[in-house]
Amino acid sequence: MTSYFVYILKCNDNSYYTGITNNLDRRLKEHQSGYGNVSYTKTRLPVTLVFSQQFHRADQAIALEKQIKGWSRKKKEAFINEEWEKLKLLSRNYTQFGNQAK
């Protein structure tokens, strides 16, 4: 059975890169080596894996990847650090009413 991984890398410039793969070890090596001519991480090496989650269904992995890519930096950091209350406070529906995470 194929597994799929959603992962977040912290880049050397402190930005985050979110991706999906069916082979996490291979993909991390590709990122670290600067593989690919037009790779976001190529000019931001080295990168560090800060989050990964395994899925057995590609559609579930793709959905999480898209969700994370739409988040703010603060929300991604709350997710990475498992700060669930902060994650809730940083949601768009919550913050639109003037409530901000501290």
N, C-alpha and C. Protein backbone atom coordinates (compact mmCIF):
# COMPACT_ATOMS: atom_id res chain seq x y z
N MET A 1 0.84 -1.18 0.00
CA MET A 1 0.00 0.00 0.00
C MET A 1 0.89 1.25 0.00
N THR A 2 0.58 2.16 -0.86
CA THR A 2 1.35 3.40 -0.96
C THR A 2 0.97 4.35 0.17
N SER A 3 1.96 5.00 0.73
CA SER A 3 1.73 6.03 1.72
C SER A 3 2.04 7.38 1.11
N TYR A 4 1.39 8.40 1.63
CA TYR A 4 1.62 9.76 1.20
C TYR A 4 1.95 10.59 2.43
N PHE A 5 2.85 11.53 2.26
CA PHE A 5 3.28 12.35 3.38
C PHE A 5 3.08 13.83 3.06
N VAL A 6 2.52 14.54 4.00
CA VAL A 6 2.51 16.00 3.95
C VAL A 6 3.63 16.43 4.87
N TYR A 7 4.44 17.38 4.41
CA TYR A 7 5.58 17.79 5.22
C TYR A 7 5.76 19.30 5.16
N ILE A 8 6.38 19.82 6.20
CA ILE A 8 6.73 21.24 6.25
C ILE A 8 8.21 21.33 6.53
N LEU A 9 8.89 22.13 5.72
CA LEU A 9 10.32 22.39 5.91
C LEU A 9 10.50 23.82 6.37
N LYS A 10 11.43 24.02 7.29
CA LYS A 10 11.84 25.37 7.64
C LYS A 10 13.11 25.65 6.86
N CYS A 11 13.08 26.71 6.09
CA CYS A 11 14.21 27.06 5.23
C CYS A 11 15.21 27.94 5.97
N ASN A 12 16.38 28.06 5.41
CA ASN A 12 17.46 28.85 5.99
C ASN A 12 17.08 30.32 6.19
N ASP A 13 16.15 30.83 5.38
CA ASP A 13 15.70 32.22 5.52
C ASP A 13 14.51 32.34 6.46
N ASN A 14 14.22 31.26 7.20
CA ASN A 14 13.12 31.17 8.18
C ASN A 14 11.73 31.13 7.54
N SER A 15 11.64 30.93 6.24
CA SER A 15 10.35 30.73 5.60
C SER A 15 9.99 29.24 5.71
N TYR A 16 8.75 28.92 5.40
CA TYR A 16 8.28 27.54 5.45
C TYR A 16 7.87 27.08 4.05
N TYR A 17 8.16 25.82 3.77
CA TYR A 17 7.75 25.19 2.52
C TYR A 17 6.90 23.98 2.87
N THR A 18 5.74 23.86 2.28
CA THR A 18 4.84 22.73 2.51
C THR A 18 4.75 21.92 1.23
N GLY A 19 4.88 20.60 1.37
CA GLY A 19 4.82 19.73 0.21
C GLY A 19 4.17 18.40 0.51
N ILE A 20 4.06 17.60 -0.53
CA ILE A 20 3.48 16.26 -0.44
C ILE A 20 4.36 15.32 -1.26
N THR A 21 4.51 14.10 -0.78
CA THR A 21 5.33 13.11 -1.48
C THR A 21 4.87 11.71 -1.10
N ASN A 22 5.28 10.73 -1.89
CA ASN A 22 5.04 9.33 -1.52
C ASN A 22 6.32 8.67 -1.01
N ASN A 23 7.41 9.45 -0.93
CA ASN A 23 8.68 8.94 -0.41
C ASN A 23 9.38 10.08 0.31
N LEU A 24 9.16 10.18 1.60
CA LEU A 24 9.65 11.32 2.37
C LEU A 24 11.18 11.39 2.40
N ASP A 25 11.84 10.27 2.61
CA ASP A 25 13.31 10.28 2.66
C ASP A 25 13.92 10.78 1.35
N ARG A 26 13.43 10.25 0.24
CA ARG A 26 13.94 10.68 -1.07
C ARG A 26 13.69 12.16 -1.29
N ARG A 27 12.49 12.60 -0.96
CA ARG A 27 12.13 14.01 -1.20
C ARG A 27 12.97 14.95 -0.35
N LEU A 28 13.24 14.58 0.89
CA LEU A 28 14.09 15.42 1.75
C LEU A 28 15.50 15.52 1.18
N LYS A 29 16.02 14.41 0.69
CA LYS A 29 17.34 14.43 0.06
C LYS A 29 17.35 15.32 -1.17
N GLU A 30 16.27 15.28 -1.95
CA GLU A 30 16.17 16.15 -3.12
C GLU A 30 16.18 17.62 -2.71
N HIS A 31 15.42 17.94 -1.67
CA HIS A 31 15.40 19.33 -1.20
C HIS A 31 16.79 19.75 -0.73
N GLN A 32 17.44 18.91 0.06
CA GLN A 32 18.76 19.26 0.61
C GLN A 32 19.82 19.42 -0.47
N SER A 33 19.66 18.70 -1.57
CA SER A 33 20.66 18.77 -2.64
C SER A 33 20.38 19.90 -3.63
N GLY A 34 19.24 20.57 -3.47
CA GLY A 34 18.89 21.63 -4.41
C GLY A 34 18.36 21.08 -5.72
N TYR A 35 17.85 19.88 -5.71
CA TYR A 35 17.33 19.20 -6.90
C TYR A 35 16.23 20.04 -7.57
N GLY A 36 16.30 20.17 -8.85
CA GLY A 36 15.29 20.90 -9.61
C GLY A 36 15.71 22.33 -9.88
N ASN A 37 15.52 22.77 -11.08
CA ASN A 37 15.95 24.12 -11.45
C ASN A 37 15.07 25.22 -10.88
N VAL A 38 13.81 24.94 -10.63
CA VAL A 38 12.89 25.97 -10.17
C VAL A 38 12.28 25.55 -8.84
N SER A 39 13.09 25.23 -7.89
CA SER A 39 12.62 24.78 -6.59
C SER A 39 12.68 25.93 -5.59
N TYR A 40 11.61 26.11 -4.84
CA TYR A 40 11.55 27.17 -3.82
C TYR A 40 12.70 27.02 -2.83
N THR A 41 12.99 25.81 -2.44
CA THR A 41 14.00 25.59 -1.40
C THR A 41 15.43 25.67 -1.91
N LYS A 42 15.63 25.61 -3.21
CA LYS A 42 16.98 25.56 -3.77
C LYS A 42 17.85 26.73 -3.32
N THR A 43 17.28 27.91 -3.23
CA THR A 43 18.04 29.10 -2.83
C THR A 43 17.89 29.39 -1.34
N ARG A 44 17.30 28.45 -0.60
CA ARG A 44 17.04 28.66 0.83
C ARG A 44 17.61 27.52 1.68
N LEU A 45 18.67 26.92 1.21
CA LEU A 45 19.29 25.79 1.90
C LEU A 45 20.17 26.26 3.04
N PRO A 46 20.35 25.45 4.07
CA PRO A 46 19.73 24.14 4.26
C PRO A 46 18.29 24.26 4.76
N VAL A 47 17.56 23.15 4.63
CA VAL A 47 16.20 23.08 5.12
C VAL A 47 16.12 22.05 6.23
N THR A 48 15.15 22.24 7.12
CA THR A 48 14.95 21.33 8.25
C THR A 48 13.51 20.85 8.25
N LEU A 49 13.31 19.55 8.37
CA LEU A 49 11.96 19.00 8.48
C LEU A 49 11.40 19.35 9.85
N VAL A 50 10.27 20.06 9.89
CA VAL A 50 9.67 20.44 11.17
C VAL A 50 8.31 19.77 11.40
N PHE A 51 7.75 19.15 10.35
CA PHE A 51 6.47 18.46 10.49
C PHE A 51 6.32 17.46 9.36
N SER A 52 5.75 16.31 9.68
CA SER A 52 5.31 15.37 8.64
C SER A 52 4.17 14.54 9.19
N GLN A 53 3.26 14.19 8.29
CA GLN A 53 2.14 13.33 8.65
C GLN A 53 1.90 12.37 7.51
N GLN A 54 1.70 11.11 7.84
CA GLN A 54 1.51 10.05 6.85
C GLN A 54 0.02 9.81 6.62
N PHE A 55 -0.32 9.57 5.36
CA PHE A 55 -1.69 9.25 4.96
C PHE A 55 -1.66 8.01 4.07
N HIS A 56 -2.76 7.27 4.06
CA HIS A 56 -2.89 6.13 3.16
C HIS A 56 -3.69 6.50 1.92
N ARG A 57 -4.33 7.66 1.96
CA ARG A 57 -5.11 8.12 0.82
C ARG A 57 -4.55 9.44 0.31
N ALA A 58 -4.30 9.51 -0.98
CA ALA A 58 -3.72 10.71 -1.59
C ALA A 58 -4.62 11.92 -1.43
N ASP A 59 -5.94 11.73 -1.55
CA ASP A 59 -6.86 12.87 -1.46
C ASP A 59 -6.80 13.54 -0.09
N GLN A 60 -6.60 12.75 0.96
CA GLN A 60 -6.50 13.33 2.31
C GLN A 60 -5.21 14.13 2.46
N ALA A 61 -4.13 13.61 1.93
CA ALA A 61 -2.84 14.32 1.99
C ALA A 61 -2.91 15.61 1.19
N ILE A 62 -3.49 15.56 0.02
CA ILE A 62 -3.60 16.75 -0.83
C ILE A 62 -4.45 17.81 -0.14
N ALA A 63 -5.53 17.39 0.51
CA ALA A 63 -6.40 18.35 1.20
C ALA A 63 -5.66 19.07 2.32
N LEU A 64 -4.87 18.32 3.12
CA LEU A 64 -4.12 18.95 4.20
C LEU A 64 -3.05 19.88 3.65
N GLU A 65 -2.35 19.45 2.61
CA GLU A 65 -1.32 20.30 2.01
C GLU A 65 -1.93 21.63 1.55
N LYS A 66 -3.03 21.58 0.85
CA LYS A 66 -3.68 22.81 0.37
C LYS A 66 -4.12 23.69 1.54
N GLN A 67 -4.64 23.06 2.58
CA GLN A 67 -5.08 23.81 3.75
C GLN A 67 -3.91 24.55 4.40
N ILE A 68 -2.82 23.85 4.63
CA ILE A 68 -1.65 24.45 5.26
C ILE A 68 -1.08 25.57 4.40
N LYS A 69 -1.02 25.36 3.10
CA LYS A 69 -0.47 26.39 2.20
C LYS A 69 -1.26 27.69 2.27
N GLY A 70 -2.52 27.62 2.66
CA GLY A 70 -3.35 28.82 2.77
C GLY A 70 -3.23 29.54 4.10
N TRP A 71 -2.48 28.97 5.03
CA TRP A 71 -2.38 29.55 6.37
C TRP A 71 -1.30 30.62 6.46
N SER A 72 -1.46 31.47 7.44
CA SER A 72 -0.44 32.47 7.76
C SER A 72 0.76 31.78 8.41
N ARG A 73 1.85 32.50 8.48
CA ARG A 73 3.06 31.99 9.15
C ARG A 73 2.77 31.64 10.60
N LYS A 74 2.05 32.51 11.30
CA LYS A 74 1.74 32.27 12.72
C LYS A 74 0.90 31.01 12.89
N LYS A 75 -0.04 30.80 11.99
CA LYS A 75 -0.88 29.61 12.09
C LYS A 75 -0.07 28.35 11.81
N LYS A 76 0.83 28.41 10.81
CA LYS A 76 1.70 27.26 10.54
C LYS A 76 2.57 26.95 11.76
N GLU A 77 3.10 27.96 12.40
CA GLU A 77 3.95 27.73 13.58
C GLU A 77 3.15 27.14 14.74
N ALA A 78 1.92 27.59 14.93
CA ALA A 78 1.07 27.01 15.97
C ALA A 78 0.80 25.54 15.67
N PHE A 79 0.57 25.21 14.41
CA PHE A 79 0.33 23.83 13.99
C PHE A 79 1.57 22.98 14.22
N ILE A 80 2.72 23.46 13.79
CA ILE A 80 3.99 22.74 13.95
C ILE A 80 4.26 22.47 15.43
N ASN A 81 3.98 23.47 16.28
CA ASN A 81 4.25 23.37 17.71
C ASN A 81 3.11 22.74 18.51
N GLU A 82 2.08 22.27 17.81
CA GLU A 82 0.91 21.63 18.43
C GLU A 82 0.26 22.53 19.47
N GLU A 83 0.19 23.81 19.17
CA GLU A 83 -0.47 24.78 20.04
C GLU A 83 -1.91 24.95 19.55
N TRP A 84 -2.74 23.98 19.93
CA TRP A 84 -4.08 23.86 19.36
C TRP A 84 -4.96 25.05 19.67
N GLU A 85 -4.88 25.61 20.87
CA GLU A 85 -5.69 26.77 21.21
C GLU A 85 -5.28 27.98 20.38
N LYS A 86 -3.98 28.15 20.18
CA LYS A 86 -3.49 29.25 19.35
C LYS A 86 -3.94 29.06 17.91
N LEU A 87 -3.92 27.83 17.46
CA LEU A 87 -4.36 27.52 16.09
C LEU A 87 -5.81 27.96 15.90
N LYS A 88 -6.62 27.68 16.88
CA LYS A 88 -8.03 28.07 16.83
C LYS A 88 -8.16 29.59 16.80
N LEU A 89 -7.39 30.27 17.62
CA LEU A 89 -7.46 31.73 17.67
C LEU A 89 -7.00 32.38 16.37
N LEU A 90 -6.12 31.72 15.65
CA LEU A 90 -5.59 32.28 14.40
C LEU A 90 -6.45 31.96 13.18
N SER A 91 -7.54 31.25 13.39
CA SER A 91 -8.40 30.93 12.26
C SER A 91 -9.07 32.20 11.74
N ARG A 92 -9.33 32.25 10.46
CA ARG A 92 -9.89 33.43 9.81
C ARG A 92 -11.24 33.81 10.42
N ASN A 93 -12.09 32.84 10.69
CA ASN A 93 -13.41 33.14 11.22
C ASN A 93 -13.33 33.77 12.60
N TYR A 94 -12.35 33.35 13.38
CA TYR A 94 -12.21 33.87 14.73
C TYR A 94 -11.60 35.27 14.70
N THR A 95 -10.57 35.46 13.92
CA THR A 95 -9.86 36.74 13.92
C THR A 95 -10.64 37.85 13.22
N GLN A 96 -11.58 37.50 12.37
CA GLN A 96 -12.36 38.54 11.69
C GLN A 96 -13.23 39.33 12.65
N PHE A 97 -13.45 38.79 13.86
CA PHE A 97 -14.25 39.50 14.85
C PHE A 97 -13.39 40.25 15.86
N GLY A 98 -12.13 40.45 15.52
CA GLY A 98 -11.26 41.29 16.34
C GLY A 98 -10.48 40.57 17.42
N ASN A 99 -10.58 39.26 17.51
CA ASN A 99 -9.83 38.51 18.50
C ASN A 99 -8.51 38.09 17.89
N GLN A 100 -7.42 38.30 18.60
CA GLN A 100 -6.09 37.98 18.09
C GLN A 100 -5.37 37.06 19.06
N ALA A 101 -4.62 36.13 18.53
CA ALA A 101 -3.78 35.26 19.37
C ALA A 101 -2.61 36.08 19.88
N LYS A 102 -2.25 35.84 21.09
CA LYS A 102 -1.14 36.57 21.69
C LYS A 102 0.16 35.85 21.48
